[in-house]
Amino acid sequence: MPAGVAATPVPSVRSVLSGVDDQAFRAVLGRFASGVTVLSAVHETDDGVRDHAITVSAFTSVSLKPPLVLVCVDIHNRFHEPVLAAGLWGVSVLRQPGHPVASWLATRGRPLGHQLDEVAHHRGPATGAVLIDDAVAWLECRTWAAYDGADHTILVGEVVSAAVAGTDDPLLYYRSHYGALVRWPVSERGLDPAAPGSAPSSGSGDG
């Protein structure tokens, strides 16, 4: 280290593990813009077959080979048990006009028996799960693994069916508000990979 330059103190393990302020943590997460998906499953019980669906923003890709995605499901949500039991589920990536559907399927205490009566949807060809019509894309998945994520279950799914719509206007979510995408004229596909600021579109860079 050059003379006269003070070393940056390294925090101790104890201080790092002391925890983070809950309000600050929520504020940071709220500033991560995301798409909006609806997760759906068909649950068969002794009382018959019932459709379940919830709005989820905690969704991401995991792997290309095999094709894997993950969603995080609150263990206290009534959707949690049915999706684990079903083993098959659908993901609808909502488009901008789908924000009323997103709000409705995020409403706690809504009636399960008729929650999809006013929602335009179709059945997935591979799983039979409900897929929302107001979407830019759809996936159908088979549960690959389920991991403990404290108050959530991290559900990893192997994609068994994928389709995109003819529209390209995804619904976004930021700080408890729905939003729309504003496109810049330059796409990352046209950037020089060696240029400063250029980055791959997934977590596959060299770090």
N, C-alpha and C. Protein backbone atom coordinates (compact mmCIF):
# COMPACT_ATOMS: atom_id res chain seq x y z
N MET A 1 0.85 -1.19 0.00
CA MET A 1 0.00 0.00 0.00
C MET A 1 0.89 1.24 0.00
N PRO A 2 0.58 2.25 -0.82
CA PRO A 2 1.41 3.46 -0.88
C PRO A 2 1.49 4.13 0.49
N ALA A 3 2.64 4.75 0.76
CA ALA A 3 2.83 5.44 2.03
C ALA A 3 1.82 6.57 2.16
N GLY A 4 1.29 6.73 3.35
CA GLY A 4 0.37 7.82 3.61
C GLY A 4 -1.08 7.51 3.30
N VAL A 5 -1.35 6.31 2.75
CA VAL A 5 -2.73 5.92 2.43
C VAL A 5 -3.23 5.02 3.55
N ALA A 6 -4.30 5.43 4.19
CA ALA A 6 -4.84 4.66 5.31
C ALA A 6 -5.61 3.45 4.81
N ALA A 7 -5.43 2.35 5.48
CA ALA A 7 -6.15 1.13 5.12
C ALA A 7 -7.62 1.26 5.52
N THR A 8 -8.51 0.77 4.65
CA THR A 8 -9.93 0.75 4.97
C THR A 8 -10.20 -0.35 5.98
N PRO A 9 -10.79 -0.02 7.11
CA PRO A 9 -11.03 -1.06 8.12
C PRO A 9 -11.99 -2.13 7.61
N VAL A 10 -11.64 -3.37 7.90
CA VAL A 10 -12.48 -4.49 7.50
C VAL A 10 -13.43 -4.80 8.66
N PRO A 11 -14.76 -4.81 8.39
CA PRO A 11 -15.70 -5.08 9.48
C PRO A 11 -15.54 -6.50 10.00
N SER A 12 -15.74 -6.67 11.28
CA SER A 12 -15.63 -7.98 11.87
C SER A 12 -16.85 -8.82 11.51
N VAL A 13 -16.69 -10.14 11.58
CA VAL A 13 -17.82 -11.03 11.31
C VAL A 13 -18.95 -10.74 12.28
N ARG A 14 -18.62 -10.46 13.52
CA ARG A 14 -19.65 -10.21 14.53
C ARG A 14 -20.47 -8.98 14.17
N SER A 15 -19.79 -7.91 13.70
CA SER A 15 -20.54 -6.69 13.36
C SER A 15 -21.39 -6.89 12.12
N VAL A 16 -20.91 -7.69 11.17
CA VAL A 16 -21.68 -7.94 9.95
C VAL A 16 -22.92 -8.75 10.27
N LEU A 17 -22.80 -9.69 11.19
CA LEU A 17 -23.90 -10.58 11.52
C LEU A 17 -24.85 -10.01 12.56
N SER A 18 -24.62 -8.76 12.96
CA SER A 18 -25.46 -8.18 14.00
C SER A 18 -26.84 -7.81 13.47
N GLY A 19 -27.03 -7.85 12.16
CA GLY A 19 -28.36 -7.60 11.61
C GLY A 19 -28.46 -6.24 10.94
N VAL A 20 -29.50 -6.08 10.15
CA VAL A 20 -29.74 -4.84 9.44
C VAL A 20 -31.09 -4.28 9.87
N ASP A 21 -31.21 -2.98 9.85
CA ASP A 21 -32.46 -2.34 10.20
C ASP A 21 -33.56 -2.78 9.25
N ASP A 22 -34.69 -3.23 9.81
CA ASP A 22 -35.79 -3.76 9.00
C ASP A 22 -36.33 -2.72 8.03
N GLN A 23 -36.45 -1.48 8.47
CA GLN A 23 -36.99 -0.43 7.61
C GLN A 23 -36.05 -0.15 6.44
N ALA A 24 -34.74 -0.14 6.72
CA ALA A 24 -33.77 0.09 5.65
C ALA A 24 -33.79 -1.06 4.65
N PHE A 25 -33.90 -2.29 5.15
CA PHE A 25 -33.95 -3.45 4.27
C PHE A 25 -35.15 -3.38 3.34
N ARG A 26 -36.32 -3.06 3.90
CA ARG A 26 -37.52 -2.94 3.08
C ARG A 26 -37.39 -1.82 2.05
N ALA A 27 -36.77 -0.72 2.46
CA ALA A 27 -36.60 0.41 1.54
C ALA A 27 -35.72 0.04 0.36
N VAL A 28 -34.65 -0.71 0.63
CA VAL A 28 -33.76 -1.13 -0.45
C VAL A 28 -34.50 -2.06 -1.40
N LEU A 29 -35.20 -3.06 -0.87
CA LEU A 29 -35.91 -3.99 -1.73
C LEU A 29 -36.98 -3.29 -2.56
N GLY A 30 -37.61 -2.27 -1.98
CA GLY A 30 -38.63 -1.53 -2.70
C GLY A 30 -38.09 -0.75 -3.88
N ARG A 31 -36.80 -0.52 -3.90
CA ARG A 31 -36.17 0.22 -4.99
C ARG A 31 -35.60 -0.70 -6.07
N PHE A 32 -35.93 -1.96 -5.98
CA PHE A 32 -35.55 -2.89 -7.05
C PHE A 32 -36.78 -3.10 -7.94
N ALA A 33 -36.75 -2.49 -9.12
CA ALA A 33 -37.88 -2.62 -10.04
C ALA A 33 -37.93 -4.04 -10.58
N SER A 34 -39.15 -4.55 -10.76
CA SER A 34 -39.29 -5.92 -11.24
C SER A 34 -40.50 -6.02 -12.15
N GLY A 35 -40.58 -7.14 -12.84
CA GLY A 35 -41.79 -7.47 -13.55
C GLY A 35 -42.81 -8.01 -12.57
N VAL A 36 -43.99 -8.34 -13.08
CA VAL A 36 -45.07 -8.85 -12.24
C VAL A 36 -45.58 -10.15 -12.86
N THR A 37 -45.66 -11.19 -12.06
CA THR A 37 -46.14 -12.47 -12.55
C THR A 37 -47.32 -12.95 -11.72
N VAL A 38 -48.09 -13.83 -12.32
CA VAL A 38 -49.12 -14.56 -11.57
C VAL A 38 -48.71 -16.02 -11.56
N LEU A 39 -48.61 -16.57 -10.37
CA LEU A 39 -48.28 -17.98 -10.17
C LEU A 39 -49.58 -18.74 -9.94
N SER A 40 -49.75 -19.85 -10.61
CA SER A 40 -51.02 -20.58 -10.54
C SER A 40 -50.77 -22.08 -10.43
N ALA A 41 -51.74 -22.76 -9.83
CA ALA A 41 -51.65 -24.21 -9.68
C ALA A 41 -53.06 -24.78 -9.53
N VAL A 42 -53.21 -26.04 -9.92
CA VAL A 42 -54.46 -26.77 -9.73
C VAL A 42 -54.26 -27.74 -8.59
N HIS A 43 -55.09 -27.62 -7.56
CA HIS A 43 -54.94 -28.44 -6.37
C HIS A 43 -56.11 -29.41 -6.26
N GLU A 44 -55.81 -30.70 -6.26
CA GLU A 44 -56.84 -31.73 -6.11
C GLU A 44 -56.92 -32.18 -4.66
N THR A 45 -58.14 -32.12 -4.10
CA THR A 45 -58.36 -32.56 -2.72
C THR A 45 -59.57 -33.50 -2.70
N ASP A 46 -59.91 -33.98 -1.53
CA ASP A 46 -61.08 -34.84 -1.39
C ASP A 46 -62.37 -34.10 -1.72
N ASP A 47 -62.30 -32.77 -1.63
CA ASP A 47 -63.48 -31.95 -1.92
C ASP A 47 -63.59 -31.56 -3.39
N GLY A 48 -62.61 -31.98 -4.19
CA GLY A 48 -62.64 -31.65 -5.61
C GLY A 48 -61.39 -30.92 -6.06
N VAL A 49 -61.49 -30.31 -7.24
CA VAL A 49 -60.36 -29.62 -7.85
C VAL A 49 -60.57 -28.11 -7.70
N ARG A 50 -59.52 -27.42 -7.31
CA ARG A 50 -59.62 -25.97 -7.13
C ARG A 50 -58.41 -25.28 -7.75
N ASP A 51 -58.68 -24.15 -8.42
CA ASP A 51 -57.61 -23.32 -8.97
C ASP A 51 -57.11 -22.35 -7.92
N HIS A 52 -55.80 -22.21 -7.85
CA HIS A 52 -55.17 -21.25 -6.95
C HIS A 52 -54.28 -20.33 -7.79
N ALA A 53 -54.23 -19.06 -7.39
CA ALA A 53 -53.38 -18.11 -8.12
C ALA A 53 -53.02 -16.95 -7.20
N ILE A 54 -51.78 -16.47 -7.32
CA ILE A 54 -51.34 -15.31 -6.54
C ILE A 54 -50.41 -14.46 -7.41
N THR A 55 -50.32 -13.20 -7.05
CA THR A 55 -49.39 -12.28 -7.69
C THR A 55 -48.02 -12.41 -7.04
N VAL A 56 -46.98 -12.52 -7.87
CA VAL A 56 -45.61 -12.72 -7.37
C VAL A 56 -44.66 -11.83 -8.16
N SER A 57 -43.82 -11.08 -7.46
CA SER A 57 -42.77 -10.32 -8.13
C SER A 57 -41.40 -10.95 -7.90
N ALA A 58 -41.31 -11.85 -6.91
CA ALA A 58 -40.04 -12.54 -6.63
C ALA A 58 -39.90 -13.74 -7.55
N PHE A 59 -39.53 -13.47 -8.78
CA PHE A 59 -39.41 -14.48 -9.83
C PHE A 59 -38.13 -14.20 -10.61
N THR A 60 -37.41 -15.27 -10.97
CA THR A 60 -36.20 -15.08 -11.76
C THR A 60 -35.83 -16.37 -12.47
N SER A 61 -34.99 -16.24 -13.47
CA SER A 61 -34.45 -17.41 -14.14
C SER A 61 -33.30 -17.98 -13.31
N VAL A 62 -33.05 -19.29 -13.47
CA VAL A 62 -31.98 -19.96 -12.74
C VAL A 62 -30.97 -20.57 -13.69
N SER A 63 -31.46 -21.32 -14.67
CA SER A 63 -30.57 -22.10 -15.54
C SER A 63 -31.18 -22.21 -16.92
N LEU A 64 -30.31 -22.30 -17.93
CA LEU A 64 -30.77 -22.54 -19.29
C LEU A 64 -30.80 -24.02 -19.62
N LYS A 65 -29.83 -24.78 -19.11
CA LYS A 65 -29.75 -26.21 -19.36
C LYS A 65 -29.51 -26.95 -18.05
N PRO A 66 -30.55 -27.53 -17.49
CA PRO A 66 -31.95 -27.54 -17.93
C PRO A 66 -32.61 -26.19 -17.69
N PRO A 67 -33.73 -25.92 -18.34
CA PRO A 67 -34.41 -24.64 -18.15
C PRO A 67 -35.09 -24.59 -16.78
N LEU A 68 -34.56 -23.75 -15.89
CA LEU A 68 -35.08 -23.65 -14.53
C LEU A 68 -35.41 -22.20 -14.20
N VAL A 69 -36.47 -22.00 -13.45
CA VAL A 69 -36.83 -20.70 -12.89
C VAL A 69 -37.14 -20.88 -11.42
N LEU A 70 -37.22 -19.76 -10.69
CA LEU A 70 -37.62 -19.87 -9.30
C LEU A 70 -38.59 -18.77 -8.93
N VAL A 71 -39.42 -19.08 -7.95
CA VAL A 71 -40.32 -18.11 -7.34
C VAL A 71 -40.23 -18.28 -5.83
N CYS A 72 -40.52 -17.22 -5.10
CA CYS A 72 -40.51 -17.28 -3.65
C CYS A 72 -41.94 -17.11 -3.15
N VAL A 73 -42.40 -18.07 -2.34
CA VAL A 73 -43.79 -18.11 -1.89
C VAL A 73 -43.82 -18.00 -0.37
N ASP A 74 -44.59 -17.06 0.13
CA ASP A 74 -44.76 -16.86 1.57
C ASP A 74 -45.36 -18.13 2.19
N ILE A 75 -44.72 -18.64 3.23
CA ILE A 75 -45.19 -19.89 3.85
C ILE A 75 -46.54 -19.71 4.54
N HIS A 76 -46.91 -18.46 4.84
CA HIS A 76 -48.18 -18.19 5.50
C HIS A 76 -49.31 -17.95 4.51
N ASN A 77 -48.98 -17.86 3.22
CA ASN A 77 -50.00 -17.64 2.20
C ASN A 77 -50.76 -18.94 1.94
N ARG A 78 -52.04 -18.86 1.73
CA ARG A 78 -52.84 -20.07 1.53
C ARG A 78 -52.52 -20.75 0.20
N PHE A 79 -51.75 -20.09 -0.66
CA PHE A 79 -51.29 -20.70 -1.90
C PHE A 79 -50.16 -21.68 -1.66
N HIS A 80 -49.46 -21.53 -0.53
CA HIS A 80 -48.22 -22.27 -0.29
C HIS A 80 -48.43 -23.79 -0.33
N GLU A 81 -49.36 -24.27 0.44
CA GLU A 81 -49.59 -25.72 0.50
C GLU A 81 -50.08 -26.29 -0.84
N PRO A 82 -51.04 -25.64 -1.51
CA PRO A 82 -51.51 -26.18 -2.79
C PRO A 82 -50.43 -26.28 -3.86
N VAL A 83 -49.55 -25.28 -3.98
CA VAL A 83 -48.55 -25.33 -5.04
C VAL A 83 -47.50 -26.41 -4.74
N LEU A 84 -47.18 -26.61 -3.47
CA LEU A 84 -46.24 -27.67 -3.13
C LEU A 84 -46.85 -29.04 -3.39
N ALA A 85 -48.13 -29.17 -3.07
CA ALA A 85 -48.81 -30.45 -3.26
C ALA A 85 -49.01 -30.76 -4.73
N ALA A 86 -49.28 -29.74 -5.54
CA ALA A 86 -49.57 -29.95 -6.96
C ALA A 86 -48.34 -30.44 -7.72
N GLY A 87 -47.19 -29.84 -7.44
CA GLY A 87 -45.97 -30.22 -8.15
C GLY A 87 -45.89 -29.67 -9.58
N LEU A 88 -46.97 -29.09 -10.06
CA LEU A 88 -47.03 -28.47 -11.39
C LEU A 88 -47.62 -27.08 -11.22
N TRP A 89 -47.10 -26.10 -11.94
CA TRP A 89 -47.60 -24.73 -11.79
C TRP A 89 -47.32 -23.90 -13.03
N GLY A 90 -48.07 -22.83 -13.13
CA GLY A 90 -47.93 -21.93 -14.27
C GLY A 90 -47.45 -20.56 -13.83
N VAL A 91 -46.79 -19.86 -14.76
CA VAL A 91 -46.33 -18.49 -14.53
C VAL A 91 -46.81 -17.63 -15.69
N SER A 92 -47.54 -16.59 -15.40
CA SER A 92 -47.97 -15.62 -16.41
C SER A 92 -47.23 -14.31 -16.16
N VAL A 93 -46.44 -13.86 -17.13
CA VAL A 93 -45.72 -12.59 -17.03
C VAL A 93 -46.66 -11.50 -17.53
N LEU A 94 -47.19 -10.70 -16.63
CA LEU A 94 -48.28 -9.80 -16.98
C LEU A 94 -47.84 -8.64 -17.87
N ARG A 95 -48.79 -8.19 -18.69
CA ARG A 95 -48.59 -7.00 -19.49
C ARG A 95 -49.28 -5.83 -18.80
N GLN A 96 -49.02 -4.61 -19.30
CA GLN A 96 -49.49 -3.41 -18.61
C GLN A 96 -50.99 -3.41 -18.30
N PRO A 97 -51.86 -3.79 -19.24
CA PRO A 97 -53.29 -3.78 -18.90
C PRO A 97 -53.68 -4.80 -17.83
N GLY A 98 -52.74 -5.65 -17.42
CA GLY A 98 -53.05 -6.67 -16.43
C GLY A 98 -52.92 -6.21 -14.99
N HIS A 99 -52.71 -4.90 -14.76
CA HIS A 99 -52.51 -4.46 -13.38
C HIS A 99 -53.74 -4.66 -12.48
N PRO A 100 -54.98 -4.59 -13.00
CA PRO A 100 -56.11 -4.92 -12.10
C PRO A 100 -56.08 -6.38 -11.65
N VAL A 101 -55.64 -7.27 -12.54
CA VAL A 101 -55.52 -8.68 -12.17
C VAL A 101 -54.45 -8.84 -11.09
N ALA A 102 -53.33 -8.14 -11.27
CA ALA A 102 -52.25 -8.22 -10.27
C ALA A 102 -52.74 -7.75 -8.91
N SER A 103 -53.47 -6.64 -8.89
CA SER A 103 -53.98 -6.12 -7.63
C SER A 103 -54.99 -7.07 -6.99
N TRP A 104 -55.86 -7.63 -7.81
CA TRP A 104 -56.89 -8.54 -7.29
C TRP A 104 -56.27 -9.79 -6.69
N LEU A 105 -55.32 -10.39 -7.40
CA LEU A 105 -54.72 -11.64 -6.93
C LEU A 105 -53.68 -11.43 -5.82
N ALA A 106 -53.46 -10.16 -5.47
CA ALA A 106 -52.62 -9.85 -4.31
C ALA A 106 -53.47 -9.47 -3.10
N THR A 107 -54.79 -9.48 -3.26
CA THR A 107 -55.70 -9.10 -2.19
C THR A 107 -55.91 -10.26 -1.23
N ARG A 108 -55.58 -10.05 0.02
CA ARG A 108 -55.75 -11.10 1.02
C ARG A 108 -57.24 -11.28 1.36
N GLY A 109 -57.63 -12.51 1.56
CA GLY A 109 -58.99 -12.81 1.96
C GLY A 109 -60.00 -12.87 0.82
N ARG A 110 -59.53 -12.74 -0.42
CA ARG A 110 -60.47 -12.82 -1.54
C ARG A 110 -61.06 -14.24 -1.59
N PRO A 111 -62.29 -14.40 -2.10
CA PRO A 111 -62.90 -15.73 -2.15
C PRO A 111 -62.19 -16.65 -3.12
N LEU A 112 -61.80 -17.81 -2.66
CA LEU A 112 -61.07 -18.74 -3.52
C LEU A 112 -61.94 -19.32 -4.62
N GLY A 113 -63.18 -19.64 -4.26
CA GLY A 113 -64.03 -20.35 -5.20
C GLY A 113 -64.34 -19.59 -6.47
N HIS A 114 -64.35 -18.26 -6.41
CA HIS A 114 -64.75 -17.46 -7.58
C HIS A 114 -63.71 -16.40 -7.93
N GLN A 115 -62.48 -16.58 -7.47
CA GLN A 115 -61.49 -15.51 -7.65
C GLN A 115 -61.11 -15.29 -9.11
N LEU A 116 -61.35 -16.27 -9.97
CA LEU A 116 -60.97 -16.13 -11.37
C LEU A 116 -62.16 -15.94 -12.30
N ASP A 117 -63.35 -15.76 -11.71
CA ASP A 117 -64.55 -15.64 -12.54
C ASP A 117 -64.49 -14.45 -13.49
N GLU A 118 -63.91 -13.34 -13.04
CA GLU A 118 -63.86 -12.13 -13.85
C GLU A 118 -62.49 -11.90 -14.48
N VAL A 119 -61.64 -12.92 -14.45
CA VAL A 119 -60.28 -12.80 -14.99
C VAL A 119 -60.17 -13.64 -16.27
N ALA A 120 -59.86 -13.00 -17.37
CA ALA A 120 -59.71 -13.72 -18.63
C ALA A 120 -58.48 -14.63 -18.55
N HIS A 121 -58.68 -15.91 -18.84
CA HIS A 121 -57.57 -16.85 -18.73
C HIS A 121 -57.81 -18.06 -19.62
N HIS A 122 -56.78 -18.87 -19.74
CA HIS A 122 -56.87 -20.13 -20.46
C HIS A 122 -56.05 -21.17 -19.71
N ARG A 123 -56.18 -22.42 -20.11
CA ARG A 123 -55.47 -23.51 -19.44
C ARG A 123 -54.15 -23.81 -20.14
N GLY A 124 -53.13 -24.05 -19.34
CA GLY A 124 -51.85 -24.45 -19.91
C GLY A 124 -51.95 -25.84 -20.50
N PRO A 125 -51.39 -26.04 -21.70
CA PRO A 125 -51.50 -27.35 -22.35
C PRO A 125 -50.75 -28.47 -21.64
N ALA A 126 -49.72 -28.12 -20.88
CA ALA A 126 -48.90 -29.15 -20.23
C ALA A 126 -49.35 -29.48 -18.82
N THR A 127 -49.82 -28.48 -18.08
CA THR A 127 -50.13 -28.68 -16.67
C THR A 127 -51.60 -28.50 -16.33
N GLY A 128 -52.35 -27.84 -17.19
CA GLY A 128 -53.74 -27.53 -16.89
C GLY A 128 -53.90 -26.35 -15.96
N ALA A 129 -52.78 -25.74 -15.54
CA ALA A 129 -52.85 -24.57 -14.65
C ALA A 129 -53.41 -23.37 -15.40
N VAL A 130 -54.04 -22.47 -14.66
CA VAL A 130 -54.58 -21.24 -15.24
C VAL A 130 -53.43 -20.35 -15.71
N LEU A 131 -53.56 -19.82 -16.92
CA LEU A 131 -52.62 -18.83 -17.46
C LEU A 131 -53.43 -17.59 -17.81
N ILE A 132 -52.97 -16.43 -17.35
CA ILE A 132 -53.70 -15.18 -17.51
C ILE A 132 -53.54 -14.65 -18.95
N ASP A 133 -54.66 -14.25 -19.55
CA ASP A 133 -54.61 -13.76 -20.94
C ASP A 133 -53.82 -12.46 -21.08
N ASP A 134 -53.96 -11.54 -20.10
CA ASP A 134 -53.25 -10.26 -20.16
C ASP A 134 -51.80 -10.44 -19.76
N ALA A 135 -51.04 -11.12 -20.61
CA ALA A 135 -49.64 -11.43 -20.31
C ALA A 135 -48.79 -11.32 -21.57
N VAL A 136 -47.50 -11.09 -21.38
CA VAL A 136 -46.57 -11.05 -22.51
C VAL A 136 -45.92 -12.40 -22.73
N ALA A 137 -46.01 -13.28 -21.71
CA ALA A 137 -45.38 -14.60 -21.83
C ALA A 137 -45.93 -15.53 -20.77
N TRP A 138 -45.78 -16.83 -21.03
CA TRP A 138 -46.26 -17.85 -20.10
C TRP A 138 -45.24 -18.98 -19.98
N LEU A 139 -45.15 -19.53 -18.79
CA LEU A 139 -44.34 -20.72 -18.54
C LEU A 139 -45.19 -21.73 -17.78
N GLU A 140 -44.92 -23.01 -18.03
CA GLU A 140 -45.47 -24.07 -17.20
C GLU A 140 -44.29 -24.86 -16.65
N CYS A 141 -44.40 -25.21 -15.37
CA CYS A 141 -43.24 -25.78 -14.69
C CYS A 141 -43.61 -27.02 -13.87
N ARG A 142 -42.62 -27.86 -13.72
CA ARG A 142 -42.66 -29.01 -12.81
C ARG A 142 -41.70 -28.70 -11.67
N THR A 143 -42.13 -28.90 -10.45
CA THR A 143 -41.26 -28.57 -9.31
C THR A 143 -39.97 -29.39 -9.36
N TRP A 144 -38.86 -28.70 -9.38
CA TRP A 144 -37.52 -29.30 -9.41
C TRP A 144 -36.99 -29.47 -7.99
N ALA A 145 -37.20 -28.45 -7.18
CA ALA A 145 -36.74 -28.49 -5.79
C ALA A 145 -37.45 -27.39 -5.01
N ALA A 146 -37.54 -27.57 -3.70
CA ALA A 146 -38.10 -26.57 -2.81
C ALA A 146 -37.13 -26.38 -1.64
N TYR A 147 -36.75 -25.13 -1.39
CA TYR A 147 -35.75 -24.85 -0.37
C TYR A 147 -36.34 -23.94 0.71
N ASP A 148 -35.84 -24.13 1.93
CA ASP A 148 -36.24 -23.29 3.05
C ASP A 148 -35.66 -21.90 2.87
N GLY A 149 -36.52 -20.91 2.84
CA GLY A 149 -36.08 -19.52 2.77
C GLY A 149 -36.65 -18.72 3.93
N ALA A 150 -36.59 -19.28 5.14
CA ALA A 150 -37.12 -18.64 6.35
C ALA A 150 -38.63 -18.48 6.23
N ASP A 151 -39.15 -17.25 6.05
CA ASP A 151 -40.60 -17.08 5.97
C ASP A 151 -41.13 -17.29 4.56
N HIS A 152 -40.28 -17.73 3.65
CA HIS A 152 -40.69 -18.07 2.29
C HIS A 152 -40.11 -19.44 1.91
N THR A 153 -40.76 -20.09 0.96
CA THR A 153 -40.19 -21.27 0.32
C THR A 153 -39.68 -20.85 -1.06
N ILE A 154 -38.44 -21.23 -1.34
CA ILE A 154 -37.84 -20.94 -2.64
C ILE A 154 -38.16 -22.13 -3.54
N LEU A 155 -39.05 -21.91 -4.47
CA LEU A 155 -39.57 -22.98 -5.31
C LEU A 155 -38.89 -22.91 -6.68
N VAL A 156 -38.13 -23.94 -7.01
CA VAL A 156 -37.43 -24.01 -8.29
C VAL A 156 -38.23 -24.93 -9.21
N GLY A 157 -38.49 -24.45 -10.42
CA GLY A 157 -39.28 -25.24 -11.36
C GLY A 157 -38.55 -25.50 -12.66
N GLU A 158 -38.71 -26.72 -13.16
CA GLU A 158 -38.21 -27.06 -14.49
C GLU A 158 -39.28 -26.68 -15.51
N VAL A 159 -38.93 -25.88 -16.48
CA VAL A 159 -39.89 -25.40 -17.47
C VAL A 159 -40.23 -26.52 -18.44
N VAL A 160 -41.52 -26.82 -18.57
CA VAL A 160 -41.97 -27.87 -19.48
C VAL A 160 -42.72 -27.30 -20.67
N SER A 161 -43.07 -26.02 -20.60
CA SER A 161 -43.75 -25.36 -21.71
C SER A 161 -43.50 -23.86 -21.61
N ALA A 162 -43.28 -23.21 -22.75
CA ALA A 162 -43.02 -21.77 -22.78
C ALA A 162 -43.65 -21.16 -24.02
N ALA A 163 -44.21 -19.97 -23.86
CA ALA A 163 -44.83 -19.29 -25.00
C ALA A 163 -44.80 -17.79 -24.77
N VAL A 164 -44.73 -17.03 -25.84
CA VAL A 164 -44.76 -15.57 -25.76
C VAL A 164 -45.96 -15.06 -26.56
N ALA A 165 -46.47 -13.90 -26.14
CA ALA A 165 -47.61 -13.29 -26.81
C ALA A 165 -47.11 -12.36 -27.92
N GLY A 166 -48.04 -11.85 -28.69
CA GLY A 166 -47.68 -10.92 -29.77
C GLY A 166 -47.46 -9.52 -29.27
N THR A 167 -47.74 -9.26 -27.99
CA THR A 167 -47.54 -7.94 -27.41
C THR A 167 -46.23 -7.89 -26.65
N ASP A 168 -45.74 -6.68 -26.40
CA ASP A 168 -44.45 -6.53 -25.74
C ASP A 168 -44.49 -5.32 -24.81
N ASP A 169 -45.43 -5.31 -23.90
CA ASP A 169 -45.61 -4.18 -22.99
C ASP A 169 -45.73 -4.68 -21.55
N PRO A 170 -44.63 -5.13 -20.95
CA PRO A 170 -44.70 -5.76 -19.63
C PRO A 170 -45.13 -4.79 -18.53
N LEU A 171 -45.80 -5.32 -17.55
CA LEU A 171 -46.15 -4.57 -16.35
C LEU A 171 -44.96 -4.58 -15.40
N LEU A 172 -44.65 -3.42 -14.83
CA LEU A 172 -43.55 -3.30 -13.88
C LEU A 172 -44.06 -2.93 -12.50
N TYR A 173 -43.21 -3.17 -11.49
CA TYR A 173 -43.58 -2.88 -10.10
C TYR A 173 -42.39 -2.22 -9.42
N TYR A 174 -42.65 -1.07 -8.77
CA TYR A 174 -41.58 -0.32 -8.11
C TYR A 174 -42.16 0.48 -6.95
N ARG A 175 -41.65 0.25 -5.76
CA ARG A 175 -42.05 0.98 -4.56
C ARG A 175 -43.56 1.00 -4.39
N SER A 176 -44.16 -0.19 -4.49
CA SER A 176 -45.60 -0.39 -4.27
C SER A 176 -46.46 0.25 -5.34
N HIS A 177 -45.88 0.58 -6.48
CA HIS A 177 -46.64 1.15 -7.59
C HIS A 177 -46.39 0.34 -8.86
N TYR A 178 -47.43 0.21 -9.67
CA TYR A 178 -47.28 -0.41 -10.98
C TYR A 178 -46.80 0.64 -11.97
N GLY A 179 -46.04 0.19 -12.96
CA GLY A 179 -45.49 1.12 -13.93
C GLY A 179 -45.35 0.50 -15.30
N ALA A 180 -44.86 1.31 -16.24
CA ALA A 180 -44.69 0.89 -17.62
C ALA A 180 -43.23 1.04 -18.03
N LEU A 181 -42.85 0.28 -19.02
CA LEU A 181 -41.48 0.30 -19.51
C LEU A 181 -41.28 1.47 -20.47
N VAL A 182 -40.19 2.22 -20.27
CA VAL A 182 -39.78 3.27 -21.20
C VAL A 182 -38.49 2.79 -21.85
N ARG A 183 -38.52 2.58 -23.15
CA ARG A 183 -37.36 2.01 -23.85
C ARG A 183 -36.38 3.10 -24.28
N TRP A 184 -35.10 2.82 -24.09
CA TRP A 184 -34.06 3.66 -24.66
C TRP A 184 -33.80 3.20 -26.08
N PRO A 185 -33.30 4.07 -26.94
CA PRO A 185 -33.09 3.68 -28.34
C PRO A 185 -31.98 2.66 -28.54
N VAL A 186 -31.09 2.53 -27.54
CA VAL A 186 -29.96 1.61 -27.68
C VAL A 186 -30.25 0.33 -26.90
N SER A 187 -30.07 -0.80 -27.56
CA SER A 187 -30.23 -2.10 -26.91
C SER A 187 -28.86 -2.62 -26.50
N GLU A 188 -28.82 -3.40 -25.41
CA GLU A 188 -27.53 -3.98 -24.99
C GLU A 188 -26.99 -4.93 -26.04
N ARG A 189 -27.85 -5.44 -26.91
CA ARG A 189 -27.37 -6.33 -27.97
C ARG A 189 -26.49 -5.60 -28.96
N GLY A 190 -26.63 -4.27 -29.00
CA GLY A 190 -25.81 -3.51 -29.92
C GLY A 190 -24.57 -2.92 -29.29
N LEU A 191 -24.35 -3.20 -28.00
CA LEU A 191 -23.20 -2.66 -27.30
C LEU A 191 -21.95 -3.51 -27.53
N ASP A 192 -20.81 -2.86 -27.51
CA ASP A 192 -19.53 -3.56 -27.57
C ASP A 192 -19.28 -4.20 -26.21
N PRO A 193 -19.17 -5.54 -26.14
CA PRO A 193 -18.97 -6.20 -24.84
C PRO A 193 -17.75 -5.70 -24.08
N ALA A 194 -16.75 -5.16 -24.82
CA ALA A 194 -15.53 -4.70 -24.16
C ALA A 194 -15.64 -3.25 -23.71
N ALA A 195 -16.72 -2.57 -24.09
CA ALA A 195 -16.85 -1.16 -23.75
C ALA A 195 -17.20 -1.00 -22.28
N PRO A 196 -16.70 0.08 -21.64
CA PRO A 196 -17.05 0.33 -20.24
C PRO A 196 -18.56 0.46 -20.07
N GLY A 197 -19.06 -0.18 -19.03
CA GLY A 197 -20.49 -0.10 -18.77
C GLY A 197 -21.29 -1.18 -19.43
N SER A 198 -20.69 -1.92 -20.37
CA SER A 198 -21.42 -3.01 -21.00
C SER A 198 -21.48 -4.19 -20.04
N ALA A 199 -22.60 -4.89 -20.08
CA ALA A 199 -22.78 -6.01 -19.15
C ALA A 199 -23.64 -7.06 -19.78
N PRO A 200 -23.44 -8.33 -19.43
CA PRO A 200 -24.34 -9.38 -19.92
C PRO A 200 -25.71 -9.23 -19.31
N SER A 201 -26.70 -9.85 -19.91
CA SER A 201 -28.07 -9.69 -19.45
C SER A 201 -28.42 -10.66 -18.33
N SER A 202 -27.52 -11.53 -17.94
CA SER A 202 -27.80 -12.44 -16.83
C SER A 202 -26.57 -12.53 -15.95
N GLY A 203 -26.66 -13.36 -14.91
CA GLY A 203 -25.55 -13.48 -13.97
C GLY A 203 -24.48 -14.41 -14.49
N SER A 204 -24.06 -14.23 -15.74
CA SER A 204 -23.09 -15.14 -16.33
C SER A 204 -21.77 -14.47 -16.64
N GLY A 205 -21.56 -13.25 -16.13
CA GLY A 205 -20.31 -12.56 -16.39
C GLY A 205 -19.16 -13.18 -15.60
N ASP A 206 -17.95 -12.67 -15.85
CA ASP A 206 -16.77 -13.22 -15.22
C ASP A 206 -16.51 -12.62 -13.84
N GLY A 207 -17.31 -11.63 -13.45
CA GLY A 207 -17.15 -11.06 -12.12
C GLY A 207 -15.95 -10.16 -12.00
